[in-house]
Amino acid sequence: MKIIMENFKNFLLTEEKIIKSKEEVIEIIKNNSNYEIYLDNPKGTTKKFGGLEPKVLPFDYGEWPALVNPADDMGWDLIIVPSSSETDENLVPVGTIDYFTDPEIWKKVGKKMNKGIGNNTKIIIAPGGEYSDKDRSTLDNFFTNLPQFKPITWF
């Protein structure tokens, strides 16, 4: 019976689910941090974040493939605090990063604003919900320099 329950739990963690809000995905991950993480941009790689200039990432960036965000029909985006990695256990939400939806800001960015961008939140995760002042300042400084993002909301 134990094997059956374990297999069922693994099935639930890999089957795609559409998660309509950041609040819902945060609650799901708080209650079960074992969802598969796919890192498409590990530390040291570059990413554009909807802008023109690629930026070198001081953190791991990826998604939960099984938790689909209807804003882009891909897994909900995640950022692992710089002092941690995907191999750490109990990675739970500690903050969010949202895009601005003001067309004037996107003119400054130099790109057309994507449909659904306002709901394409990035979820910051840390082991056991613990992060350092350096983690916080690294992420705050990185995203402050990208005009398309609102200030980070830390929990």
Protein backbone atom coordinates (compact mmCIF):
# COMPACT_ATOMS: atom_id res chain seq x y z
CA MET A 1 0.00 0.00 0.00
CA LYS A 2 2.89 2.36 0.82
CA ILE A 3 4.32 1.93 -2.70
CA ILE A 4 0.92 2.65 -4.27
CA MET A 5 0.56 5.87 -2.25
CA GLU A 6 4.11 6.95 -3.12
CA ASN A 7 3.50 6.32 -6.84
CA PHE A 8 0.23 8.27 -6.65
CA LYS A 9 1.97 11.19 -4.93
CA ASN A 10 4.66 11.22 -7.65
CA PHE A 11 1.91 11.18 -10.31
CA LEU A 12 0.27 14.22 -8.72
CA LEU A 13 3.59 16.07 -8.67
CA THR A 14 4.29 15.51 -12.39
CA GLU A 15 0.86 15.91 -13.99
CA GLU A 16 0.45 19.42 -15.45
CA LYS A 17 -1.98 21.70 -13.65
CA ILE A 18 -3.01 25.20 -14.70
CA ILE A 19 -2.52 27.51 -11.72
CA LYS A 20 -4.32 30.80 -12.27
CA SER A 21 -2.75 33.07 -9.66
CA LYS A 22 0.53 33.70 -7.89
CA GLU A 23 -1.26 33.30 -4.57
CA GLU A 24 -2.38 29.81 -5.57
CA VAL A 25 1.08 28.66 -6.74
CA ILE A 26 2.65 30.07 -3.56
CA GLU A 27 0.18 28.11 -1.43
CA ILE A 28 0.81 24.91 -3.43
CA ILE A 29 4.60 25.17 -3.03
CA LYS A 30 4.35 26.10 0.66
CA ASN A 31 2.34 22.91 1.23
CA ASN A 32 4.53 20.69 -0.95
CA SER A 33 7.97 21.85 -2.08
CA ASN A 34 8.72 18.57 -3.91
CA TYR A 35 7.52 19.68 -7.35
CA GLU A 36 10.09 19.13 -10.07
CA ILE A 37 12.22 22.18 -10.88
CA TYR A 38 13.69 22.76 -14.32
CA LEU A 39 16.53 25.29 -14.47
CA ASP A 40 16.72 26.82 -17.92
CA ASN A 41 19.12 29.53 -16.72
CA PRO A 42 21.55 28.48 -13.97
CA LYS A 43 23.80 31.00 -12.19
CA GLY A 44 26.28 32.58 -14.56
CA THR A 45 24.13 32.23 -17.69
CA THR A 46 22.38 35.18 -19.34
CA LYS A 47 18.69 36.07 -19.66
CA LYS A 48 16.82 39.03 -21.17
CA PHE A 49 13.65 39.13 -18.97
CA GLY A 50 11.61 40.67 -21.76
CA GLY A 51 14.25 43.34 -22.40
CA LEU A 52 16.84 43.86 -25.09
CA GLU A 53 20.05 43.37 -23.14
CA PRO A 54 20.96 39.97 -21.69
CA LYS A 55 22.01 40.06 -18.04
CA VAL A 56 24.34 37.59 -16.29
CA LEU A 57 22.35 35.88 -13.55
CA PRO A 58 23.71 35.76 -9.98
CA PHE A 59 21.01 33.19 -9.14
CA ASP A 60 19.38 30.05 -10.58
CA TYR A 61 16.30 30.73 -12.70
CA GLY A 62 13.79 28.15 -13.87
CA GLU A 63 10.25 26.89 -13.56
CA TRP A 64 7.96 24.26 -12.14
CA PRO A 65 6.98 22.46 -15.39
CA ALA A 66 3.94 20.79 -13.81
CA LEU A 67 2.48 24.08 -12.55
CA VAL A 68 1.40 26.00 -15.65
CA ASN A 69 0.97 29.78 -15.65
CA PRO A 70 -1.79 30.78 -18.11
CA ALA A 71 0.02 34.11 -18.68
CA ASP A 72 2.50 32.33 -20.96
CA ASP A 73 1.31 28.67 -20.96
CA MET A 74 4.61 27.58 -19.42
CA GLY A 75 5.62 26.53 -15.92
CA TRP A 76 5.47 29.18 -13.20
CA ASP A 77 8.83 30.98 -13.06
CA LEU A 78 11.07 30.62 -10.04
CA ILE A 79 14.25 32.18 -8.76
CA ILE A 80 16.37 30.41 -6.17
CA VAL A 81 18.09 32.79 -3.75
CA PRO A 82 21.78 33.18 -4.72
CA SER A 83 23.15 31.28 -1.72
CA SER A 84 21.10 28.16 -2.56
CA SER A 85 20.56 25.70 -5.39
CA GLU A 86 17.93 23.32 -6.73
CA THR A 87 19.51 20.48 -4.75
CA ASP A 88 18.59 22.14 -1.45
CA GLU A 89 15.58 20.69 0.31
CA ASN A 90 12.31 22.39 1.21
CA LEU A 91 12.59 25.31 -1.23
CA VAL A 92 9.61 27.49 -0.33
CA PRO A 93 8.41 30.94 -1.47
CA VAL A 94 9.97 33.98 0.19
CA GLY A 95 9.06 36.69 -2.31
CA THR A 96 7.65 37.66 -5.69
CA ILE A 97 8.71 39.82 -8.59
CA ASP A 98 6.07 41.33 -10.88
CA TYR A 99 6.33 43.14 -14.20
CA PHE A 100 4.99 46.64 -14.71
CA THR A 101 2.14 46.83 -17.23
CA ASP A 102 2.50 50.52 -18.09
CA PRO A 103 3.17 50.86 -21.85
CA GLU A 104 5.41 53.89 -21.17
CA ILE A 105 7.80 51.71 -19.16
CA TRP A 106 7.96 49.20 -22.00
CA LYS A 107 8.86 52.02 -24.40
CA LYS A 108 11.87 52.69 -22.15
CA VAL A 109 12.71 48.98 -22.21
CA GLY A 110 12.61 49.13 -26.02
CA LYS A 111 10.25 46.20 -26.55
CA LYS A 112 6.57 45.65 -26.99
CA MET A 113 4.83 44.55 -23.80
CA ASN A 114 3.83 40.87 -24.04
CA LYS A 115 0.20 39.90 -23.53
CA GLY A 116 -0.30 38.58 -20.01
CA ILE A 117 2.95 40.06 -18.71
CA GLY A 118 1.20 41.42 -15.62
CA ASN A 119 0.53 37.86 -14.46
CA ASN A 120 3.97 36.45 -15.31
CA THR A 121 5.21 36.71 -11.72
CA LYS A 122 8.56 35.26 -10.65
CA ILE A 123 8.44 33.36 -7.35
CA ILE A 124 11.58 33.60 -5.19
CA ILE A 125 12.30 30.44 -3.19
CA ALA A 126 14.74 29.61 -0.39
CA PRO A 127 15.46 26.49 1.69
CA GLY A 128 13.13 26.44 4.67
CA GLY A 129 12.10 29.99 3.85
CA GLU A 130 15.48 31.27 5.07
CA TYR A 131 17.62 33.74 3.13
CA SER A 132 20.46 36.10 3.99
CA ASP A 133 20.72 39.87 3.79
CA LYS A 134 23.21 39.30 0.95
CA ASP A 135 20.63 37.19 -0.95
CA ARG A 136 18.09 39.96 -0.55
CA SER A 137 20.45 42.76 -1.58
CA THR A 138 21.74 40.79 -4.58
CA LEU A 139 18.22 40.23 -5.89
CA ASP A 140 17.01 43.76 -5.04
CA ASN A 141 20.03 45.29 -6.85
CA PHE A 142 19.66 43.02 -9.88
CA PHE A 143 15.98 43.77 -10.43
CA THR A 144 16.21 47.47 -9.53
CA ASN A 145 18.35 47.85 -12.67
CA LEU A 146 15.59 46.38 -14.86
CA PRO A 147 12.89 49.04 -15.41
CA GLN A 148 10.25 46.51 -16.43
CA PHE A 149 10.04 45.10 -12.88
CA LYS A 150 8.25 46.38 -9.80
CA PRO A 151 10.22 46.28 -6.54
CA ILE A 152 10.46 42.80 -5.02
CA THR A 153 7.80 41.85 -2.51
CA TRP A 154 9.52 39.94 0.30
CA PHE A 155 7.54 37.82 2.77
